[in-house]
Amino acid sequence: MNALARRLRQTECDGVEMSLAGARIVCDPSGVLYAPDERLLIVSDLHLEKGAAFARRGMMLPPYDTAATLTLLEAALTRYAPQRVISLGDSFHDRTGAALMPETSRETLRRLMAGRDWIWISGNHDPEPPAFVGGETREEISVGPWTFRHEPSAAYRAGEVAGHLHPVARVANGARSTRGACFASDGSRMIMPSFGVTTGGLNVLDRAFHGLFDLATAKAYVIGLTRIYPIGFRSLSPG
């Protein structure tokens, strides 16, 4: 099963509703968050035009990542019909790729944005989105009890929702193990999975995550083929 087929199958699963900083939010198996009371959808690390960026450096990736990522994003937008969308940075893999984005992809993105308030959070790959996109660019934004930004703060910050680290979790059972993208949260703050179809991942037990969560309550909401599995950090394996 290729990456797009697997991701499309995951979008057919039910999301998991949880309390984050005292307000309800839905972890969707597509990799987005949805806040129903705010009619707000959050997506992180789209990395549009990553394949083209790698090709310019002589490293060949399949050139269909942008179209596939936008297909998945459209499915999530159709599912929830949000009024507002926040994209948590690294929406484009680099400035050059965004400027050279094919017109068909530009038109798709404009169509998905139409009629919605769209906020681009600045990322380390894309401090500013290209001029053709529209929407609003912010370093961070607060909505309800949450603050949305690209990189998680080093100091503990209740209500923070960030991306950047591309969290994945590994569950081992004897000689068998499985590894998947996940939402990482202790109920107070959250790190979102990367949404782009060609992005890698970093195990939530890696030192980059140290100090970000209360380990007594931290869970990885692991995205499987048929459901999301909430698993405590202490039951996970490195690697």
C-alpha atoms as a PDB file:
ATOM      1  CA  MET A   1       0.000   0.000   0.000  1.00  0.00           C
ATOM      2  CA  ASN A   2       1.581   3.320  -1.046  1.00  0.00           C
ATOM      3  CA  ALA A   3       1.642   6.373   1.197  1.00  0.00           C
ATOM      4  CA  LEU A   4      -1.351   8.114  -0.399  1.00  0.00           C
ATOM      5  CA  ALA A   5      -3.526   4.981  -0.397  1.00  0.00           C
ATOM      6  CA  ARG A   6      -2.693   4.354   3.250  1.00  0.00           C
ATOM      7  CA  ARG A   7      -3.441   7.931   4.212  1.00  0.00           C
ATOM      8  CA  LEU A   8      -6.730   7.943   2.303  1.00  0.00           C
ATOM      9  CA  ARG A   9      -7.781   4.766   4.101  1.00  0.00           C
ATOM     10  CA  GLN A  10      -6.974   6.389   7.439  1.00  0.00           C
ATOM     11  CA  THR A  11      -9.268   9.314   6.628  1.00  0.00           C
ATOM     12  CA  GLU A  12     -12.209   6.889   6.722  1.00  0.00           C
ATOM     13  CA  CYS A  13     -11.659   6.242  10.460  1.00  0.00           C
ATOM     14  CA  ASP A  14     -13.314   8.117  13.299  1.00  0.00           C
ATOM     15  CA  GLY A  15     -11.432  10.810  15.143  1.00  0.00           C
ATOM     16  CA  VAL A  16     -10.734  10.805  18.884  1.00  0.00           C
ATOM     17  CA  GLU A  17     -12.209  13.609  20.968  1.00  0.00           C
ATOM     18  CA  MET A  18     -10.130  14.725  23.933  1.00  0.00           C
ATOM     19  CA  SER A  19      -9.755  17.629  26.320  1.00  0.00           C
ATOM     20  CA  LEU A  20      -6.803  19.880  25.552  1.00  0.00           C
ATOM     21  CA  ALA A  21      -6.158  22.688  28.028  1.00  0.00           C
ATOM     22  CA  GLY A  22      -9.729  22.302  29.257  1.00  0.00           C
ATOM     23  CA  ALA A  23     -11.521  22.518  25.903  1.00  0.00           C
ATOM     24  CA  ARG A  24     -12.593  19.778  23.528  1.00  0.00           C
ATOM     25  CA  ILE A  25     -10.693  19.013  20.374  1.00  0.00           C
ATOM     26  CA  VAL A  26     -10.705  16.156  17.870  1.00  0.00           C
ATOM     27  CA  CYS A  27      -7.575  14.302  16.745  1.00  0.00           C
ATOM     28  CA  ASP A  28      -8.443  13.226  13.218  1.00  0.00           C
ATOM     29  CA  PRO A  29      -6.745  10.206  11.577  1.00  0.00           C
ATOM     30  CA  SER A  30      -5.876  12.373   8.581  1.00  0.00           C
ATOM     31  CA  GLY A  31      -3.441  14.195  10.878  1.00  0.00           C
ATOM     32  CA  VAL A  32      -5.446  17.392  11.445  1.00  0.00           C
ATOM     33  CA  LEU A  33      -6.965  18.759  14.633  1.00  0.00           C
ATOM     34  CA  TYR A  34     -10.512  20.078  14.705  1.00  0.00           C
ATOM     35  CA  ALA A  35     -11.974  22.340  17.378  1.00  0.00           C
ATOM     36  CA  PRO A  36     -15.763  21.988  16.922  1.00  0.00           C
ATOM     37  CA  ASP A  37     -16.755  24.861  19.203  1.00  0.00           C
ATOM     38  CA  GLU A  38     -14.531  27.214  17.203  1.00  0.00           C
ATOM     39  CA  ARG A  39     -15.169  25.622  13.785  1.00  0.00           C
ATOM     40  CA  LEU A  40     -11.382  25.664  13.517  1.00  0.00           C
ATOM     41  CA  LEU A  41      -9.167  23.166  11.698  1.00  0.00           C
ATOM     42  CA  ILE A  42      -5.425  22.969  12.360  1.00  0.00           C
ATOM     43  CA  VAL A  43      -2.853  21.316  10.106  1.00  0.00           C
ATOM     44  CA  SER A  44       0.923  21.216  10.462  1.00  0.00           C
ATOM     45  CA  ASP A  45       3.978  20.764   8.266  1.00  0.00           C
ATOM     46  CA  LEU A  46       2.440  20.390   4.818  1.00  0.00           C
ATOM     47  CA  HIS A  47       5.891  20.770   3.207  1.00  0.00           C
ATOM     48  CA  LEU A  48       4.326  21.501  -0.194  1.00  0.00           C
ATOM     49  CA  GLU A  49       6.740  21.214  -3.143  1.00  0.00           C
ATOM     50  CA  LYS A  50       9.254  19.129  -1.159  1.00  0.00           C
ATOM     51  CA  GLY A  51       9.789  16.814  -4.139  1.00  0.00           C
ATOM     52  CA  ALA A  52      10.631  19.761  -6.395  1.00  0.00           C
ATOM     53  CA  ALA A  53      13.011  21.195  -3.782  1.00  0.00           C
ATOM     54  CA  PHE A  54      14.884  17.895  -3.558  1.00  0.00           C
ATOM     55  CA  ALA A  55      15.016  17.573  -7.360  1.00  0.00           C
ATOM     56  CA  ARG A  56      16.759  20.959  -7.606  1.00  0.00           C
ATOM     57  CA  ARG A  57      19.439  19.513  -5.326  1.00  0.00           C
ATOM     58  CA  GLY A  58      19.843  16.366  -7.408  1.00  0.00           C
ATOM     59  CA  MET A  59      17.944  14.109  -4.985  1.00  0.00           C
ATOM     60  CA  MET A  60      14.988  12.544  -6.732  1.00  0.00           C
ATOM     61  CA  LEU A  61      11.659  12.097  -4.965  1.00  0.00           C
ATOM     62  CA  PRO A  62       8.362  11.293  -6.706  1.00  0.00           C
ATOM     63  CA  PRO A  63       7.075  14.658  -8.050  1.00  0.00           C
ATOM     64  CA  TYR A  64       3.507  14.104  -6.873  1.00  0.00           C
ATOM     65  CA  ASP A  65       3.807  15.049  -3.211  1.00  0.00           C
ATOM     66  CA  THR A  66       2.046  18.420  -3.523  1.00  0.00           C
ATOM     67  CA  ALA A  67      -0.959  17.017  -5.366  1.00  0.00           C
ATOM     68  CA  ALA A  68      -1.241  14.098  -2.919  1.00  0.00           C
ATOM     69  CA  THR A  69      -0.970  16.341   0.141  1.00  0.00           C
ATOM     70  CA  LEU A  70      -3.613  18.716  -1.220  1.00  0.00           C
ATOM     71  CA  THR A  71      -5.901  15.759  -1.949  1.00  0.00           C
ATOM     72  CA  LEU A  72      -5.665  14.694   1.687  1.00  0.00           C
ATOM     73  CA  LEU A  73      -6.176  18.256   2.890  1.00  0.00           C
ATOM     74  CA  GLU A  74      -9.291  18.612   0.746  1.00  0.00           C
ATOM     75  CA  ALA A  75     -10.716  15.433   2.291  1.00  0.00           C
ATOM     76  CA  ALA A  76     -10.190  16.854   5.799  1.00  0.00           C
ATOM     77  CA  LEU A  77     -11.771  20.186   4.862  1.00  0.00           C
ATOM     78  CA  THR A  78     -14.754  18.405   3.331  1.00  0.00           C
ATOM     79  CA  ARG A  79     -15.178  16.300   6.458  1.00  0.00           C
ATOM     80  CA  TYR A  80     -15.299  19.227   8.873  1.00  0.00           C
ATOM     81  CA  ALA A  81     -16.229  22.303   6.770  1.00  0.00           C
ATOM     82  CA  PRO A  82     -14.289  24.693   9.047  1.00  0.00           C
ATOM     83  CA  GLN A  83     -14.697  28.444   9.036  1.00  0.00           C
ATOM     84  CA  ARG A  84     -11.047  28.968   9.968  1.00  0.00           C
ATOM     85  CA  VAL A  85      -7.854  27.092   9.168  1.00  0.00           C
ATOM     86  CA  ILE A  86      -4.476  27.470  10.859  1.00  0.00           C
ATOM     87  CA  SER A  87      -1.442  25.987   9.129  1.00  0.00           C
ATOM     88  CA  LEU A  88       1.317  25.593  11.722  1.00  0.00           C
ATOM     89  CA  GLY A  89       4.374  26.431   9.667  1.00  0.00           C
ATOM     90  CA  ASP A  90       6.552  24.651   7.112  1.00  0.00           C
ATOM     91  CA  SER A  91       3.546  24.763   4.843  1.00  0.00           C
ATOM     92  CA  PHE A  92       5.970  25.106   1.925  1.00  0.00           C
ATOM     93  CA  HIS A  93       9.270  23.259   1.874  1.00  0.00           C
ATOM     94  CA  ASP A  94      11.188  26.376   0.838  1.00  0.00           C
ATOM     95  CA  ARG A  95      10.643  29.790  -0.698  1.00  0.00           C
ATOM     96  CA  THR A  96      11.862  28.782  -4.153  1.00  0.00           C
ATOM     97  CA  GLY A  97       9.547  25.798  -4.370  1.00  0.00           C
ATOM     98  CA  ALA A  98       6.570  27.906  -3.412  1.00  0.00           C
ATOM     99  CA  ALA A  99       7.385  30.448  -6.125  1.00  0.00           C
ATOM    100  CA  LEU A 100       7.661  27.670  -8.725  1.00  0.00           C
ATOM    101  CA  MET A 101       4.522  25.827  -7.626  1.00  0.00           C
ATOM    102  CA  PRO A 102       2.594  24.598 -10.714  1.00  0.00           C
ATOM    103  CA  GLU A 103      -0.490  26.577 -11.612  1.00  0.00           C
ATOM    104  CA  THR A 104      -2.752  23.550 -11.172  1.00  0.00           C
ATOM    105  CA  SER A 105      -1.619  23.222  -7.541  1.00  0.00           C
ATOM    106  CA  ARG A 106      -2.003  26.957  -7.003  1.00  0.00           C
ATOM    107  CA  GLU A 107      -5.583  26.800  -8.243  1.00  0.00           C
ATOM    108  CA  THR A 108      -6.326  23.842  -5.966  1.00  0.00           C
ATOM    109  CA  LEU A 109      -4.941  25.667  -2.959  1.00  0.00           C
ATOM    110  CA  ARG A 110      -6.873  28.840  -3.750  1.00  0.00           C
ATOM    111  CA  ARG A 111     -10.066  26.787  -4.071  1.00  0.00           C
ATOM    112  CA  LEU A 112      -9.500  25.112  -0.702  1.00  0.00           C
ATOM    113  CA  MET A 113      -8.913  28.507   0.929  1.00  0.00           C
ATOM    114  CA  ALA A 114     -11.917  30.213  -0.639  1.00  0.00           C
ATOM    115  CA  GLY A 115     -14.561  31.394   1.848  1.00  0.00           C
ATOM    116  CA  ARG A 116     -12.405  30.583   4.894  1.00  0.00           C
ATOM    117  CA  ASP A 117     -10.211  32.605   7.206  1.00  0.00           C
ATOM    118  CA  TRP A 118      -6.773  31.113   6.613  1.00  0.00           C
ATOM    119  CA  ILE A 119      -3.799  31.766   8.867  1.00  0.00           C
ATOM    120  CA  TRP A 120      -0.254  30.780   7.955  1.00  0.00           C
ATOM    121  CA  ILE A 121       2.066  30.415  10.942  1.00  0.00           C
ATOM    122  CA  SER A 122       5.672  31.173  10.025  1.00  0.00           C
ATOM    123  CA  GLY A 123       7.935  28.120   9.995  1.00  0.00           C
ATOM    124  CA  ASN A 124      11.672  27.601   9.768  1.00  0.00           C
ATOM    125  CA  HIS A 125      11.304  26.506   6.121  1.00  0.00           C
ATOM    126  CA  ASP A 126       8.833  29.227   5.147  1.00  0.00           C
ATOM    127  CA  PRO A 127       8.977  32.431   7.199  1.00  0.00           C
ATOM    128  CA  GLU A 128       6.550  33.968   4.704  1.00  0.00           C
ATOM    129  CA  PRO A 129       4.182  32.231   2.253  1.00  0.00           C
ATOM    130  CA  PRO A 130       4.314  33.280  -1.411  1.00  0.00           C
ATOM    131  CA  ALA A 131       2.343  36.305  -2.520  1.00  0.00           C
ATOM    132  CA  PHE A 132      -0.118  34.299  -4.616  1.00  0.00           C
ATOM    133  CA  VAL A 133      -1.511  32.432  -1.618  1.00  0.00           C
ATOM    134  CA  GLY A 134      -3.363  35.103   0.336  1.00  0.00           C
ATOM    135  CA  GLY A 135      -4.513  34.621   3.902  1.00  0.00           C
ATOM    136  CA  GLU A 136      -2.841  36.058   6.995  1.00  0.00           C
ATOM    137  CA  THR A 137       0.687  35.359   8.254  1.00  0.00           C
ATOM    138  CA  ARG A 138       1.437  35.266  11.994  1.00  0.00           C
ATOM    139  CA  GLU A 139       4.281  34.132  14.249  1.00  0.00           C
ATOM    140  CA  GLU A 140       1.704  32.665  16.611  1.00  0.00           C
ATOM    141  CA  ILE A 141      -1.971  33.086  17.391  1.00  0.00           C
ATOM    142  CA  SER A 142      -4.189  32.410  20.397  1.00  0.00           C
ATOM    143  CA  VAL A 143      -7.705  30.998  20.068  1.00  0.00           C
ATOM    144  CA  GLY A 144      -9.669  30.084  23.183  1.00  0.00           C
ATOM    145  CA  PRO A 145      -7.300  28.375  25.664  1.00  0.00           C
ATOM    146  CA  TRP A 146      -4.754  27.467  22.975  1.00  0.00           C
ATOM    147  CA  THR A 147      -1.725  29.178  21.464  1.00  0.00           C
ATOM    148  CA  PHE A 148      -0.660  27.963  18.036  1.00  0.00           C
ATOM    149  CA  ARG A 149       2.964  28.255  16.868  1.00  0.00           C
ATOM    150  CA  HIS A 150       5.413  26.303  14.727  1.00  0.00           C
ATOM    151  CA  GLU A 151       8.178  25.264  17.124  1.00  0.00           C
ATOM    152  CA  PRO A 152       7.336  24.195  20.679  1.00  0.00           C
ATOM    153  CA  SER A 153       8.580  26.526  23.396  1.00  0.00           C
ATOM    154  CA  ALA A 154      11.509  25.281  25.462  1.00  0.00           C
ATOM    155  CA  ALA A 155       9.736  26.331  28.661  1.00  0.00           C
ATOM    156  CA  TYR A 156       6.532  24.499  29.539  1.00  0.00           C
ATOM    157  CA  ARG A 157       3.576  26.418  28.130  1.00  0.00           C
ATOM    158  CA  ALA A 158       0.056  25.221  28.917  1.00  0.00           C
ATOM    159  CA  GLY A 159      -2.324  25.317  25.961  1.00  0.00           C
ATOM    160  CA  GLU A 160       0.437  25.399  23.367  1.00  0.00           C
ATOM    161  CA  VAL A 161      -0.117  23.539  20.088  1.00  0.00           C
ATOM    162  CA  ALA A 162       2.941  23.232  17.846  1.00  0.00           C
ATOM    163  CA  GLY A 163       4.388  21.182  15.007  1.00  0.00           C
ATOM    164  CA  HIS A 164       7.960  21.066  13.677  1.00  0.00           C
ATOM    165  CA  LEU A 165       9.088  17.834  15.373  1.00  0.00           C
ATOM    166  CA  HIS A 166       7.008  15.405  13.247  1.00  0.00           C
ATOM    167  CA  PRO A 167       6.221  13.044  16.163  1.00  0.00           C
ATOM    168  CA  VAL A 168       5.994   9.294  15.656  1.00  0.00           C
ATOM    169  CA  ALA A 169       5.657   6.474  18.187  1.00  0.00           C
ATOM    170  CA  ARG A 170       6.943   2.912  18.190  1.00  0.00           C
ATOM    171  CA  VAL A 171       5.125   0.092  19.962  1.00  0.00           C
ATOM    172  CA  ALA A 172       7.027  -3.182  20.429  1.00  0.00           C
ATOM    173  CA  ASN A 173       5.650  -6.581  21.397  1.00  0.00           C
ATOM    174  CA  GLY A 174       8.448  -9.097  21.597  1.00  0.00           C
ATOM    175  CA  ALA A 175      10.073  -9.419  18.179  1.00  0.00           C
ATOM    176  CA  ARG A 176       7.265  -7.488  16.491  1.00  0.00           C
ATOM    177  CA  SER A 177       6.909  -3.722  16.431  1.00  0.00           C
ATOM    178  CA  THR A 178       4.949  -1.043  14.641  1.00  0.00           C
ATOM    179  CA  ARG A 179       5.718   2.637  14.164  1.00  0.00           C
ATOM    180  CA  GLY A 180       3.338   5.399  13.172  1.00  0.00           C
ATOM    181  CA  ALA A 181       2.721   9.119  13.132  1.00  0.00           C
ATOM    182  CA  CYS A 182       1.007  10.459  16.230  1.00  0.00           C
ATOM    183  CA  PHE A 183      -0.392  13.416  18.114  1.00  0.00           C
ATOM    184  CA  ALA A 184       1.705  13.829  21.277  1.00  0.00           C
ATOM    185  CA  SER A 185      -0.036  15.375  24.286  1.00  0.00           C
ATOM    186  CA  ASP A 186      -0.271  15.360  28.061  1.00  0.00           C
ATOM    187  CA  GLY A 187      -3.705  17.024  28.001  1.00  0.00           C
ATOM    188  CA  SER A 188      -2.213  20.475  28.452  1.00  0.00           C
ATOM    189  CA  ARG A 189      -0.066  20.984  25.354  1.00  0.00           C
ATOM    190  CA  MET A 190       0.283  19.130  22.041  1.00  0.00           C
ATOM    191  CA  ILE A 191       2.755  18.459  19.230  1.00  0.00           C
ATOM    192  CA  MET A 192       0.989  17.656  15.962  1.00  0.00           C
ATOM    193  CA  PRO A 193       2.074  15.104  13.362  1.00  0.00           C
ATOM    194  CA  SER A 194       3.394  16.301  10.031  1.00  0.00           C
ATOM    195  CA  PHE A 195       0.767  16.263   7.297  1.00  0.00           C
ATOM    196  CA  GLY A 196       2.897  16.179   4.128  1.00  0.00           C
ATOM    197  CA  VAL A 197       3.056  12.787   2.434  1.00  0.00           C
ATOM    198  CA  THR A 198       6.864  12.715   2.121  1.00  0.00           C
ATOM    199  CA  THR A 199       7.831  13.987   5.567  1.00  0.00           C
ATOM    200  CA  GLY A 200       9.694  11.754   7.995  1.00  0.00           C
ATOM    201  CA  GLY A 201       9.182  11.479  11.733  1.00  0.00           C
ATOM    202  CA  LEU A 202      10.990  11.675  15.078  1.00  0.00           C
ATOM    203  CA  ASN A 203      10.264   9.243  17.912  1.00  0.00           C
ATOM    204  CA  VAL A 204       8.522  10.961  20.829  1.00  0.00           C
ATOM    205  CA  LEU A 205      11.090   9.381  23.162  1.00  0.00           C
ATOM    206  CA  ASP A 206      13.891  11.279  21.413  1.00  0.00           C
ATOM    207  CA  ARG A 207      15.699  13.870  23.504  1.00  0.00           C
ATOM    208  CA  ALA A 208      14.132  16.643  21.373  1.00  0.00           C
ATOM    209  CA  PHE A 209      10.863  15.967  23.240  1.00  0.00           C
ATOM    210  CA  HIS A 210      12.411  15.916  26.717  1.00  0.00           C
ATOM    211  CA  GLY A 211      10.762  18.402  29.057  1.00  0.00           C
ATOM    212  CA  LEU A 212       7.876  19.167  26.710  1.00  0.00           C
ATOM    213  CA  PHE A 213       5.311  16.998  28.531  1.00  0.00           C
ATOM    214  CA  ASP A 214       4.334  15.698  31.941  1.00  0.00           C
ATOM    215  CA  LEU A 215       5.422  12.085  31.480  1.00  0.00           C
ATOM    216  CA  ALA A 216       2.887  10.866  34.032  1.00  0.00           C
ATOM    217  CA  THR A 217       0.041  11.826  31.699  1.00  0.00           C
ATOM    218  CA  ALA A 218       1.742  12.066  28.271  1.00  0.00           C
ATOM    219  CA  LYS A 219       0.241   9.936  25.508  1.00  0.00           C
ATOM    220  CA  ALA A 220       0.940   9.291  21.865  1.00  0.00           C
ATOM    221  CA  TYR A 221      -2.288   9.206  19.877  1.00  0.00           C
ATOM    222  CA  VAL A 222      -0.963   6.834  17.226  1.00  0.00           C
ATOM    223  CA  ILE A 223      -2.692   6.870  13.837  1.00  0.00           C
ATOM    224  CA  GLY A 224      -3.418   3.325  12.679  1.00  0.00           C
ATOM    225  CA  LEU A 225      -5.223   1.991   9.627  1.00  0.00           C
ATOM    226  CA  THR A 226      -8.532   1.513  11.423  1.00  0.00           C
ATOM    227  CA  ARG A 227      -8.398   3.826  14.457  1.00  0.00           C
ATOM    228  CA  ILE A 228      -6.300   6.103  16.640  1.00  0.00           C
ATOM    229  CA  TYR A 229      -4.601   4.368  19.591  1.00  0.00           C
ATOM    230  CA  PRO A 230      -3.877   6.435  22.738  1.00  0.00           C
ATOM    231  CA  ILE A 231      -0.730   4.936  24.294  1.00  0.00           C
ATOM    232  CA  GLY A 232       1.158   6.259  27.313  1.00  0.00           C
ATOM    233  CA  PHE A 233       4.744   7.323  26.726  1.00  0.00           C
ATOM    234  CA  ARG A 234       5.913   4.790  29.308  1.00  0.00           C
ATOM    235  CA  SER A 235       4.567   1.943  27.123  1.00  0.00           C
ATOM    236  CA  LEU A 236       6.455   3.081  24.010  1.00  0.00           C
ATOM    237  CA  SER A 237       9.807   1.967  22.631  1.00  0.00           C
ATOM    238  CA  PRO A 238      12.691   4.032  21.232  1.00  0.00           C
ATOM    239  CA  GLY A 239      13.735   3.778  17.624  1.00  0.00           C
END
